[in-house]
C-alpha atoms as a PDB file:
ATOM      1  CA  UNK A   1     -17.699-219.153 -83.379  1.00  0.00           C
ATOM      2  CA  UNK A   2     -19.695-216.099 -84.402  1.00  0.00           C
ATOM      3  CA  UNK A   3     -19.227-213.923 -87.466  1.00  0.00           C
ATOM      4  CA  UNK A   4     -21.270-211.014 -86.158  1.00  0.00           C
ATOM      5  CA  UNK A   5     -20.533-208.298 -83.588  1.00  0.00           C
ATOM      6  CA  UNK A   6     -20.410-209.030 -79.859  1.00  0.00           C
ATOM      7  CA  UNK A   7     -20.423-206.262 -77.250  1.00  0.00           C
ATOM      8  CA  UNK A   8     -21.125-205.860 -73.540  1.00  0.00           C
ATOM      9  CA  UNK A   9     -23.718-203.374 -72.317  1.00  0.00           C
ATOM     10  CA  UNK A  10     -20.814-201.331 -70.965  1.00  0.00           C
ATOM     11  CA  UNK A  11     -19.779-200.588 -74.571  1.00  0.00           C
ATOM     12  CA  UNK A  12     -23.273-199.672 -75.783  1.00  0.00           C
ATOM     13  CA  UNK A  13     -23.804-196.033 -76.784  1.00  0.00           C
ATOM     14  CA  UNK A  14     -26.957-195.953 -78.924  1.00  0.00           C
ATOM     15  CA  UNK A  15     -28.914-198.026 -81.435  1.00  0.00           C
ATOM     16  CA  UNK A  16     -27.317-196.512 -84.561  1.00  0.00           C
ATOM     17  CA  UNK A  17     -25.300-199.635 -85.411  1.00  0.00           C
ATOM     18  CA  UNK A  18     -28.378-201.851 -85.021  1.00  0.00           C
ATOM     19  CA  UNK A  19     -30.451-200.348 -87.817  1.00  0.00           C
ATOM     20  CA  UNK A  20     -31.854-203.022 -90.122  1.00  0.00           C
ATOM     21  CA  UNK A  21     -29.985-205.807 -88.308  1.00  0.00           C
ATOM     22  CA  UNK A  22     -30.940-208.859 -86.304  1.00  0.00           C
ATOM     23  CA  UNK A  23     -30.093-208.230 -82.651  1.00  0.00           C
ATOM     24  CA  UNK A  24     -29.928-210.621 -79.698  1.00  0.00           C
ATOM     25  CA  UNK A  25     -29.802-209.076 -76.229  1.00  0.00           C
ATOM     26  CA  UNK A  26     -28.900-211.363 -73.327  1.00  0.00           C
ATOM     27  CA  UNK A  27     -30.019-210.307 -69.855  1.00  0.00           C
ATOM     28  CA  UNK A  28     -33.172-209.393 -67.954  1.00  0.00           C
ATOM     29  CA  UNK A  29     -31.778-206.470 -65.969  1.00  0.00           C
ATOM     30  CA  UNK A  30     -32.325-202.769 -66.559  1.00  0.00           C
ATOM     31  CA  UNK A  31     -29.568-202.524 -69.173  1.00  0.00           C
ATOM     32  CA  UNK A  32     -30.840-205.527 -71.106  1.00  0.00           C
ATOM     33  CA  UNK A  33     -34.415-204.340 -71.321  1.00  0.00           C
ATOM     34  CA  UNK A  34     -33.502-200.739 -72.111  1.00  0.00           C
ATOM     35  CA  UNK A  35     -31.190-201.826 -74.934  1.00  0.00           C
ATOM     36  CA  UNK A  36     -33.754-204.319 -76.273  1.00  0.00           C
ATOM     37  CA  UNK A  37     -36.391-201.560 -76.328  1.00  0.00           C
ATOM     38  CA  UNK A  38     -34.086-199.128 -78.134  1.00  0.00           C
ATOM     39  CA  UNK A  39     -32.995-201.791 -80.636  1.00  0.00           C
ATOM     40  CA  UNK A  40     -36.617-202.701 -81.383  1.00  0.00           C
ATOM     41  CA  UNK A  41     -37.273-199.308 -82.989  1.00  0.00           C
ATOM     42  CA  UNK A  42     -34.573-199.689 -85.665  1.00  0.00           C
ATOM     43  CA  UNK A  43     -33.563-203.376 -85.875  1.00  0.00           C
ATOM     44  CA  UNK A  44     -35.078-205.856 -88.303  1.00  0.00           C
ATOM     45  CA  UNK A  45     -35.584-208.295 -85.432  1.00  0.00           C
ATOM     46  CA  UNK A  46     -34.861-208.014 -81.710  1.00  0.00           C
ATOM     47  CA  UNK A  47     -34.609-211.032 -79.407  1.00  0.00           C
ATOM     48  CA  UNK A  48     -34.409-210.793 -75.623  1.00  0.00           C
ATOM     49  CA  UNK A  49     -32.708-213.860 -74.157  1.00  0.00           C
ATOM     50  CA  UNK A  50     -33.063-214.626 -70.473  1.00  0.00           C
ATOM     51  CA  UNK A  51     -30.818-216.616 -68.176  1.00  0.00           C
ATOM     52  CA  UNK A  52     -33.397-216.362 -65.381  1.00  0.00           C
ATOM     53  CA  UNK A  53     -36.709-214.649 -64.746  1.00  0.00           C
ATOM     54  CA  UNK A  54     -37.122-211.171 -63.278  1.00  0.00           C
ATOM     55  CA  UNK A  55     -39.947-209.097 -61.881  1.00  0.00           C
ATOM     56  CA  UNK A  56     -40.682-206.089 -64.067  1.00  0.00           C
ATOM     57  CA  UNK A  57     -41.738-202.908 -62.305  1.00  0.00           C
ATOM     58  CA  UNK A  58     -43.338-200.008 -64.211  1.00  0.00           C
ATOM     59  CA  UNK A  59     -41.621-196.650 -63.865  1.00  0.00           C
ATOM     60  CA  UNK A  60     -44.866-194.997 -62.761  1.00  0.00           C
ATOM     61  CA  UNK A  61     -47.637-196.264 -60.473  1.00  0.00           C
ATOM     62  CA  UNK A  62     -50.582-194.064 -59.480  1.00  0.00           C
ATOM     63  CA  UNK A  63     -49.041-191.313 -61.614  1.00  0.00           C
ATOM     64  CA  UNK A  64     -45.875-191.158 -59.509  1.00  0.00           C
ATOM     65  CA  UNK A  65     -42.354-192.545 -60.014  1.00  0.00           C
ATOM     66  CA  UNK A  66     -42.350-196.006 -58.475  1.00  0.00           C
ATOM     67  CA  UNK A  67     -39.388-195.302 -56.216  1.00  0.00           C
ATOM     68  CA  UNK A  68     -41.276-192.365 -54.669  1.00  0.00           C
ATOM     69  CA  UNK A  69     -44.122-194.520 -53.375  1.00  0.00           C
ATOM     70  CA  UNK A  70     -44.186-194.751 -49.612  1.00  0.00           C
ATOM     71  CA  UNK A  71     -42.025-197.585 -48.314  1.00  0.00           C
ATOM     72  CA  UNK A  72     -41.830-197.208 -44.552  1.00  0.00           C
ATOM     73  CA  UNK A  73     -38.716-199.048 -43.275  1.00  0.00           C
ATOM     74  CA  UNK A  74     -40.371-199.450 -39.869  1.00  0.00           C
ATOM     75  CA  UNK A  75     -42.850-201.907 -41.402  1.00  0.00           C
ATOM     76  CA  UNK A  76     -41.462-205.478 -41.572  1.00  0.00           C
ATOM     77  CA  UNK A  77     -40.061-206.291 -45.003  1.00  0.00           C
ATOM     78  CA  UNK A  78     -42.254-209.373 -45.485  1.00  0.00           C
ATOM     79  CA  UNK A  79     -45.386-207.223 -45.217  1.00  0.00           C
ATOM     80  CA  UNK A  80     -44.034-204.615 -47.635  1.00  0.00           C
ATOM     81  CA  UNK A  81     -42.929-207.396 -49.966  1.00  0.00           C
ATOM     82  CA  UNK A  82     -46.439-208.845 -50.227  1.00  0.00           C
ATOM     83  CA  UNK A  83     -48.068-205.450 -50.764  1.00  0.00           C
ATOM     84  CA  UNK A  84     -45.641-204.355 -53.487  1.00  0.00           C
ATOM     85  CA  UNK A  85     -45.784-207.778 -55.147  1.00  0.00           C
ATOM     86  CA  UNK A  86     -49.560-207.632 -55.452  1.00  0.00           C
ATOM     87  CA  UNK A  87     -49.390-204.040 -56.669  1.00  0.00           C
ATOM     88  CA  UNK A  88     -46.903-204.879 -59.427  1.00  0.00           C
ATOM     89  CA  UNK A  89     -48.880-207.947 -60.520  1.00  0.00           C
ATOM     90  CA  UNK A  90     -52.053-205.846 -60.684  1.00  0.00           C
ATOM     91  CA  UNK A  91     -50.335-203.340 -62.983  1.00  0.00           C
ATOM     92  CA  UNK A  92     -48.350-205.653 -65.265  1.00  0.00           C
ATOM     93  CA  UNK A  93     -49.477-209.208 -64.617  1.00  0.00           C
ATOM     94  CA  UNK A  94     -47.082-212.152 -64.430  1.00  0.00           C
ATOM     95  CA  UNK A  95     -44.007-212.144 -66.716  1.00  0.00           C
ATOM     96  CA  UNK A  96     -45.093-215.524 -68.140  1.00  0.00           C
ATOM     97  CA  UNK A  97     -48.076-213.816 -69.802  1.00  0.00           C
ATOM     98  CA  UNK A  98     -45.612-212.102 -72.118  1.00  0.00           C
ATOM     99  CA  UNK A  99     -43.542-215.177 -72.911  1.00  0.00           C
ATOM    100  CA  UNK A 100     -40.876-214.318 -70.344  1.00  0.00           C
ATOM    101  CA  UNK A 101     -39.567-216.905 -67.864  1.00  0.00           C
ATOM    102  CA  UNK A 102     -41.201-217.176 -64.466  1.00  0.00           C
ATOM    103  CA  UNK A 103     -39.003-215.668 -61.736  1.00  0.00           C
ATOM    104  CA  UNK A 104     -37.552-218.305 -59.411  1.00  0.00           C
ATOM    105  CA  UNK A 105     -37.712-215.933 -56.450  1.00  0.00           C
ATOM    106  CA  UNK A 106     -40.205-213.713 -54.666  1.00  0.00           C
ATOM    107  CA  UNK A 107     -40.382-210.006 -55.370  1.00  0.00           C
ATOM    108  CA  UNK A 108     -37.628-208.123 -53.557  1.00  0.00           C
ATOM    109  CA  UNK A 109     -35.283-211.104 -53.279  1.00  0.00           C
ATOM    110  CA  UNK A 110     -33.376-209.989 -56.380  1.00  0.00           C
ATOM    111  CA  UNK A 111     -32.901-206.606 -57.976  1.00  0.00           C
ATOM    112  CA  UNK A 112     -36.086-206.020 -60.013  1.00  0.00           C
ATOM    113  CA  UNK A 113     -36.095-204.485 -63.482  1.00  0.00           C
ATOM    114  CA  UNK A 114     -37.638-201.057 -63.981  1.00  0.00           C
ATOM    115  CA  UNK A 115     -39.225-200.693 -67.407  1.00  0.00           C
ATOM    116  CA  UNK A 116     -42.487-199.278 -68.687  1.00  0.00           C
ATOM    117  CA  UNK A 117     -41.819-200.104 -72.352  1.00  0.00           C
ATOM    118  CA  UNK A 118     -40.472-203.649 -72.637  1.00  0.00           C
ATOM    119  CA  UNK A 119     -43.859-205.335 -72.180  1.00  0.00           C
ATOM    120  CA  UNK A 120     -45.441-203.027 -74.738  1.00  0.00           C
ATOM    121  CA  UNK A 121     -42.689-203.816 -77.290  1.00  0.00           C
ATOM    122  CA  UNK A 122     -43.133-207.546 -76.660  1.00  0.00           C
ATOM    123  CA  UNK A 123     -46.910-207.286 -77.088  1.00  0.00           C
ATOM    124  CA  UNK A 124     -46.439-205.431 -80.386  1.00  0.00           C
ATOM    125  CA  UNK A 125     -44.138-208.151 -81.666  1.00  0.00           C
ATOM    126  CA  UNK A 126     -41.075-205.927 -81.856  1.00  0.00           C
ATOM    127  CA  UNK A 127     -39.184-207.847 -79.135  1.00  0.00           C
ATOM    128  CA  UNK A 128     -39.258-211.657 -79.073  1.00  0.00           C
ATOM    129  CA  UNK A 129     -38.485-213.380 -75.734  1.00  0.00           C
ATOM    130  CA  UNK A 130     -36.048-216.282 -75.861  1.00  0.00           C
ATOM    131  CA  UNK A 131     -34.439-218.585 -73.274  1.00  0.00           C
ATOM    132  CA  UNK A 132     -30.724-218.566 -72.495  1.00  0.00           C
ATOM    133  CA  UNK A 133     -28.108-218.763 -75.239  1.00  0.00           C
ATOM    134  CA  UNK A 134     -26.685-222.253 -75.621  1.00  0.00           C
ATOM    135  CA  UNK A 135     -24.057-221.473 -78.266  1.00  0.00           C
ATOM    136  CA  UNK A 136     -23.057-219.302 -81.186  1.00  0.00           C
ATOM    137  CA  UNK A 137     -22.901-220.886 -84.626  1.00  0.00           C
ATOM    138  CA  UNK A 138     -21.525-218.788 -87.478  1.00  0.00           C
ATOM    139  CA  UNK A 139     -24.294-216.286 -88.266  1.00  0.00           C
ATOM    140  CA  UNK A 140     -26.765-217.863 -85.845  1.00  0.00           C
ATOM    141  CA  UNK A 141     -27.503-217.887 -82.143  1.00  0.00           C
ATOM    142  CA  UNK A 142     -28.787-221.208 -80.777  1.00  0.00           C
ATOM    143  CA  UNK A 143     -30.937-221.137 -77.626  1.00  0.00           C
ATOM    144  CA  UNK A 144     -31.379-223.749 -74.921  1.00  0.00           C
ATOM    145  CA  UNK A 145     -34.804-224.763 -76.278  1.00  0.00           C
ATOM    146  CA  UNK A 146     -33.169-225.788 -79.564  1.00  0.00           C
ATOM    147  CA  UNK A 147     -34.415-222.825 -81.598  1.00  0.00           C
ATOM    148  CA  UNK A 148     -31.978-220.699 -83.556  1.00  0.00           C
ATOM    149  CA  UNK A 149     -32.104-217.232 -85.114  1.00  0.00           C
ATOM    150  CA  UNK A 150     -29.883-215.274 -87.446  1.00  0.00           C
ATOM    151  CA  UNK A 151     -27.977-212.536 -85.630  1.00  0.00           C
ATOM    152  CA  UNK A 152     -25.774-209.645 -86.673  1.00  0.00           C
ATOM    153  CA  UNK A 153     -25.257-208.270 -83.167  1.00  0.00           C
ATOM    154  CA  UNK A 154     -25.191-209.913 -79.724  1.00  0.00           C
ATOM    155  CA  UNK A 155     -25.272-207.639 -76.676  1.00  0.00           C
ATOM    156  CA  UNK A 156     -24.328-209.186 -73.333  1.00  0.00           C
ATOM    157  CA  UNK A 157     -26.131-207.446 -70.472  1.00  0.00           C
ATOM    158  CA  UNK A 158     -24.749-209.899 -67.949  1.00  0.00           C
ATOM    159  CA  UNK A 159     -23.626-207.721 -65.081  1.00  0.00           C
ATOM    160  CA  UNK A 160     -20.537-205.806 -64.069  1.00  0.00           C
ATOM    161  CA  UNK A 161     -17.319-206.553 -62.266  1.00  0.00           C
ATOM    162  CA  UNK A 162     -16.398-204.110 -59.492  1.00  0.00           C
ATOM    163  CA  UNK A 163     -12.849-202.913 -60.079  1.00  0.00           C
ATOM    164  CA  UNK A 164     -10.702-200.021 -58.873  1.00  0.00           C
ATOM    165  CA  UNK A 165      -8.061-199.564 -61.600  1.00  0.00           C
ATOM    166  CA  UNK A 166      -6.582-196.583 -59.713  1.00  0.00           C
ATOM    167  CA  UNK A 167      -5.645-198.813 -56.741  1.00  0.00           C
ATOM    168  CA  UNK A 168      -3.174-201.665 -56.532  1.00  0.00           C
ATOM    169  CA  UNK A 169      -5.139-204.898 -56.106  1.00  0.00           C
ATOM    170  CA  UNK A 170      -3.315-205.771 -52.894  1.00  0.00           C
ATOM    171  CA  UNK A 171      -4.345-202.378 -51.472  1.00  0.00           C
ATOM    172  CA  UNK A 172      -8.077-202.260 -52.310  1.00  0.00           C
ATOM    173  CA  UNK A 173      -9.973-204.728 -54.498  1.00  0.00           C
ATOM    174  CA  UNK A 174     -13.332-206.485 -54.718  1.00  0.00           C
ATOM    175  CA  UNK A 175     -12.792-210.173 -55.533  1.00  0.00           C
ATOM    176  CA  UNK A 176     -16.067-211.689 -56.759  1.00  0.00           C
ATOM    177  CA  UNK A 177     -17.593-208.205 -56.279  1.00  0.00           C
ATOM    178  CA  UNK A 178     -17.066-208.510 -52.517  1.00  0.00           C
ATOM    179  CA  UNK A 179     -15.720-205.578 -50.515  1.00  0.00           C
ATOM    180  CA  UNK A 180     -16.071-205.011 -46.771  1.00  0.00           C
ATOM    181  CA  UNK A 181     -17.198-201.465 -45.980  1.00  0.00           C
ATOM    182  CA  UNK A 182     -19.042-200.004 -42.998  1.00  0.00           C
ATOM    183  CA  UNK A 183     -22.456-199.011 -44.351  1.00  0.00           C
ATOM    184  CA  UNK A 184     -20.935-199.105 -47.875  1.00  0.00           C
ATOM    185  CA  UNK A 185     -18.714-196.078 -47.190  1.00  0.00           C
ATOM    186  CA  UNK A 186     -15.921-196.518 -44.613  1.00  0.00           C
ATOM    187  CA  UNK A 187     -13.134-199.091 -44.671  1.00  0.00           C
ATOM    188  CA  UNK A 188     -12.306-200.532 -41.229  1.00  0.00           C
ATOM    189  CA  UNK A 189      -8.690-200.980 -42.365  1.00  0.00           C
ATOM    190  CA  UNK A 190      -7.959-197.707 -44.182  1.00  0.00           C
ATOM    191  CA  UNK A 191      -9.143-194.645 -42.260  1.00  0.00           C
ATOM    192  CA  UNK A 192      -8.719-192.042 -44.997  1.00  0.00           C
ATOM    193  CA  UNK A 193     -10.437-193.743 -47.958  1.00  0.00           C
ATOM    194  CA  UNK A 194     -14.184-193.278 -48.457  1.00  0.00           C
ATOM    195  CA  UNK A 195     -16.575-194.685 -51.055  1.00  0.00           C
ATOM    196  CA  UNK A 196     -19.568-192.774 -52.438  1.00  0.00           C
ATOM    197  CA  UNK A 197     -22.224-194.417 -54.591  1.00  0.00           C
ATOM    198  CA  UNK A 198     -20.818-197.956 -54.367  1.00  0.00           C
ATOM    199  CA  UNK A 199     -24.258-199.479 -53.853  1.00  0.00           C
ATOM    200  CA  UNK A 200     -27.209-200.657 -55.894  1.00  0.00           C
ATOM    201  CA  UNK A 201     -30.610-199.482 -54.674  1.00  0.00           C
ATOM    202  CA  UNK A 202     -34.105-199.926 -56.011  1.00  0.00           C
ATOM    203  CA  UNK A 203     -34.475-196.271 -56.921  1.00  0.00           C
ATOM    204  CA  UNK A 204     -32.116-193.436 -57.705  1.00  0.00           C
ATOM    205  CA  UNK A 205     -28.555-193.665 -56.412  1.00  0.00           C
ATOM    206  CA  UNK A 206     -27.995-189.877 -56.384  1.00  0.00           C
ATOM    207  CA  UNK A 207     -29.881-189.081 -53.135  1.00  0.00           C
ATOM    208  CA  UNK A 208     -28.004-191.888 -51.386  1.00  0.00           C
ATOM    209  CA  UNK A 209     -24.679-190.620 -52.722  1.00  0.00           C
ATOM    210  CA  UNK A 210     -25.596-187.129 -51.495  1.00  0.00           C
ATOM    211  CA  UNK A 211     -26.356-188.483 -48.019  1.00  0.00           C
ATOM    212  CA  UNK A 212     -23.075-190.388 -48.012  1.00  0.00           C
ATOM    213  CA  UNK A 213     -21.162-187.269 -49.044  1.00  0.00           C
ATOM    214  CA  UNK A 214     -22.722-185.259 -46.218  1.00  0.00           C
ATOM    215  CA  UNK A 215     -21.903-188.097 -43.808  1.00  0.00           C
ATOM    216  CA  UNK A 216     -18.249-188.071 -44.863  1.00  0.00           C
ATOM    217  CA  UNK A 217     -18.155-184.282 -44.474  1.00  0.00           C
ATOM    218  CA  UNK A 218     -19.511-184.583 -40.915  1.00  0.00           C
ATOM    219  CA  UNK A 219     -16.783-187.119 -40.182  1.00  0.00           C
ATOM    220  CA  UNK A 220     -14.015-184.931 -41.613  1.00  0.00           C
ATOM    221  CA  UNK A 221     -15.240-181.958 -39.563  1.00  0.00           C
ATOM    222  CA  UNK A 222     -15.236-184.080 -36.423  1.00  0.00           C
ATOM    223  CA  UNK A 223     -18.993-183.848 -35.939  1.00  0.00           C
ATOM    224  CA  UNK A 224     -19.353-187.597 -36.459  1.00  0.00           C
ATOM    225  CA  UNK A 225     -17.085-190.274 -34.983  1.00  0.00           C
ATOM    226  CA  UNK A 226     -16.870-193.830 -36.294  1.00  0.00           C
ATOM    227  CA  UNK A 227     -17.335-196.786 -33.944  1.00  0.00           C
ATOM    228  CA  UNK A 228     -14.347-198.952 -33.087  1.00  0.00           C
ATOM    229  CA  UNK A 229     -12.861-201.276 -35.693  1.00  0.00           C
ATOM    230  CA  UNK A 230     -14.341-204.415 -34.028  1.00  0.00           C
ATOM    231  CA  UNK A 231     -17.763-202.760 -34.010  1.00  0.00           C
ATOM    232  CA  UNK A 232     -17.463-201.859 -37.685  1.00  0.00           C
ATOM    233  CA  UNK A 233     -16.435-205.406 -38.570  1.00  0.00           C
ATOM    234  CA  UNK A 234     -19.351-206.767 -36.547  1.00  0.00           C
ATOM    235  CA  UNK A 235     -21.788-204.540 -38.449  1.00  0.00           C
ATOM    236  CA  UNK A 236     -20.263-205.615 -41.787  1.00  0.00           C
ATOM    237  CA  UNK A 237     -20.690-209.287 -40.843  1.00  0.00           C
ATOM    238  CA  UNK A 238     -24.320-208.667 -39.866  1.00  0.00           C
ATOM    239  CA  UNK A 239     -24.942-206.820 -43.131  1.00  0.00           C
ATOM    240  CA  UNK A 240     -23.527-209.659 -45.220  1.00  0.00           C
ATOM    241  CA  UNK A 241     -25.602-212.218 -43.313  1.00  0.00           C
ATOM    242  CA  UNK A 242     -28.733-210.138 -43.956  1.00  0.00           C
ATOM    243  CA  UNK A 243     -27.800-209.906 -47.645  1.00  0.00           C
ATOM    244  CA  UNK A 244     -27.419-213.680 -47.993  1.00  0.00           C
ATOM    245  CA  UNK A 245     -30.734-214.264 -46.210  1.00  0.00           C
ATOM    246  CA  UNK A 246     -32.628-211.694 -48.259  1.00  0.00           C
ATOM    247  CA  UNK A 247     -31.285-211.924 -51.824  1.00  0.00           C
ATOM    248  CA  UNK A 248     -30.651-214.612 -54.404  1.00  0.00           C
ATOM    249  CA  UNK A 249     -27.006-215.715 -54.193  1.00  0.00           C
ATOM    250  CA  UNK A 250     -25.331-213.767 -56.988  1.00  0.00           C
ATOM    251  CA  UNK A 251     -22.402-211.439 -57.635  1.00  0.00           C
ATOM    252  CA  UNK A 252     -25.098-208.923 -58.560  1.00  0.00           C
ATOM    253  CA  UNK A 253     -26.294-208.663 -54.958  1.00  0.00           C
ATOM    254  CA  UNK A 254     -23.104-207.813 -53.070  1.00  0.00           C
ATOM    255  CA  UNK A 255     -23.799-204.066 -52.867  1.00  0.00           C
ATOM    256  CA  UNK A 256     -27.605-204.122 -52.834  1.00  0.00           C
ATOM    257  CA  UNK A 257     -29.546-201.825 -50.480  1.00  0.00           C
ATOM    258  CA  UNK A 258     -33.163-200.838 -49.965  1.00  0.00           C
ATOM    259  CA  UNK A 259     -33.419-197.084 -50.575  1.00  0.00           C
ATOM    260  CA  UNK A 260     -35.609-196.091 -47.621  1.00  0.00           C
ATOM    261  CA  UNK A 261     -34.129-198.656 -45.241  1.00  0.00           C
ATOM    262  CA  UNK A 262     -30.605-197.437 -45.951  1.00  0.00           C
ATOM    263  CA  UNK A 263     -31.456-193.782 -45.292  1.00  0.00           C
ATOM    264  CA  UNK A 264     -33.338-194.747 -42.121  1.00  0.00           C
ATOM    265  CA  UNK A 265     -30.378-196.773 -40.833  1.00  0.00           C
ATOM    266  CA  UNK A 266     -27.958-194.008 -41.788  1.00  0.00           C
ATOM    267  CA  UNK A 267     -29.989-191.510 -39.757  1.00  0.00           C
ATOM    268  CA  UNK A 268     -29.629-193.730 -36.705  1.00  0.00           C
ATOM    269  CA  UNK A 269     -25.903-194.195 -37.258  1.00  0.00           C
ATOM    270  CA  UNK A 270     -25.380-190.434 -37.643  1.00  0.00           C
ATOM    271  CA  UNK A 271     -27.103-189.847 -34.305  1.00  0.00           C
ATOM    272  CA  UNK A 272     -24.925-192.485 -32.615  1.00  0.00           C
ATOM    273  CA  UNK A 273     -21.781-191.076 -34.241  1.00  0.00           C
ATOM    274  CA  UNK A 274     -22.651-187.554 -33.081  1.00  0.00           C
ATOM    275  CA  UNK A 275     -22.835-188.805 -29.492  1.00  0.00           C
ATOM    276  CA  UNK A 276     -19.480-190.551 -29.905  1.00  0.00           C
ATOM    277  CA  UNK A 277     -17.977-187.306 -31.223  1.00  0.00           C
ATOM    278  CA  UNK A 278     -19.208-185.458 -28.124  1.00  0.00           C
ATOM    279  CA  UNK A 279     -17.668-188.124 -25.910  1.00  0.00           C
ATOM    280  CA  UNK A 280     -14.390-187.527 -27.738  1.00  0.00           C
ATOM    281  CA  UNK A 281     -14.534-183.877 -26.734  1.00  0.00           C
ATOM    282  CA  UNK A 282     -15.861-182.369 -29.927  1.00  0.00           C
ATOM    283  CA  UNK A 283     -17.828-179.134 -29.504  1.00  0.00           C
ATOM    284  CA  UNK A 284     -20.009-177.647 -32.205  1.00  0.00           C
ATOM    285  CA  UNK A 285     -18.421-174.487 -33.638  1.00  0.00           C
ATOM    286  CA  UNK A 286     -20.028-171.117 -33.068  1.00  0.00           C
ATOM    287  CA  UNK A 287     -21.739-170.164 -36.334  1.00  0.00           C
ATOM    288  CA  UNK A 288     -20.143-167.180 -38.048  1.00  0.00           C
ATOM    289  CA  UNK A 289     -21.872-164.577 -40.139  1.00  0.00           C
ATOM    290  CA  UNK A 290     -20.914-164.535 -43.780  1.00  0.00           C
ATOM    291  CA  UNK A 291     -19.553-161.183 -44.985  1.00  0.00           C
ATOM    292  CA  UNK A 292     -22.096-159.015 -46.730  1.00  0.00           C
ATOM    293  CA  UNK A 293     -21.630-158.497 -50.436  1.00  0.00           C
ATOM    294  CA  UNK A 294     -20.658-154.932 -51.226  1.00  0.00           C
ATOM    295  CA  UNK A 295     -22.177-153.642 -54.427  1.00  0.00           C
ATOM    296  CA  UNK A 296     -19.761-151.704 -56.613  1.00  0.00           C
END
């Protein structure tokens, strides 16, 4: 039992209701660390509880946004993994130095956390790292190491469930966050339903969503043709096998992509689909001149 307030990160708006209170945030993802940082500026005490360790990546390296650093998809991932790992450790050091749990995976095998402020807030004593929550007890939160703290608010930053409330579940659903889509966009079973932005990259999702939207537009115009259903299913199976090999087994990693790798692969698929469209008899339209604007 717990007499305080419990919310999920999905319900969080701002830190107004945390002023002067004792706050426990559970989760080492982006939401958890962002909320812990914001709480630390107004709360009496802020505790960041971790179920598992995570690599923390600063938002800027060499004066540039981290996701804009060169990450050539033609270079084998293992080589890129080692380089980026050493770069991150040089900038921030190991999470254990700050009292955070040691990650049980190598960099890039789980979605890393992007934060330039959490380590600073921990070092200044405004955020206190804690292990996982064992139980709630009246006004207290008890952790797995036996320690307990008073808490007014508990925020669960424990992930999200993929749902489509506008579809019947027997039509389209994602049980255990699993949905089979060709390159995260096209359904092999339903030819006129497309998904945009249903992926989780390291980096901004907007450029990927833009590329997906342009891809769908090419398809609707007939300039791009999908492969056969068996070929799409084969690619989906390969993608899921690669996901299981690369990432920690978790519902969090069912829609994960590498930003640069995804765009590089999409470029190749667009070229192949353009050739298929030509084989189907599609001819590029003759460009027309837009009417000139007449000034009144």
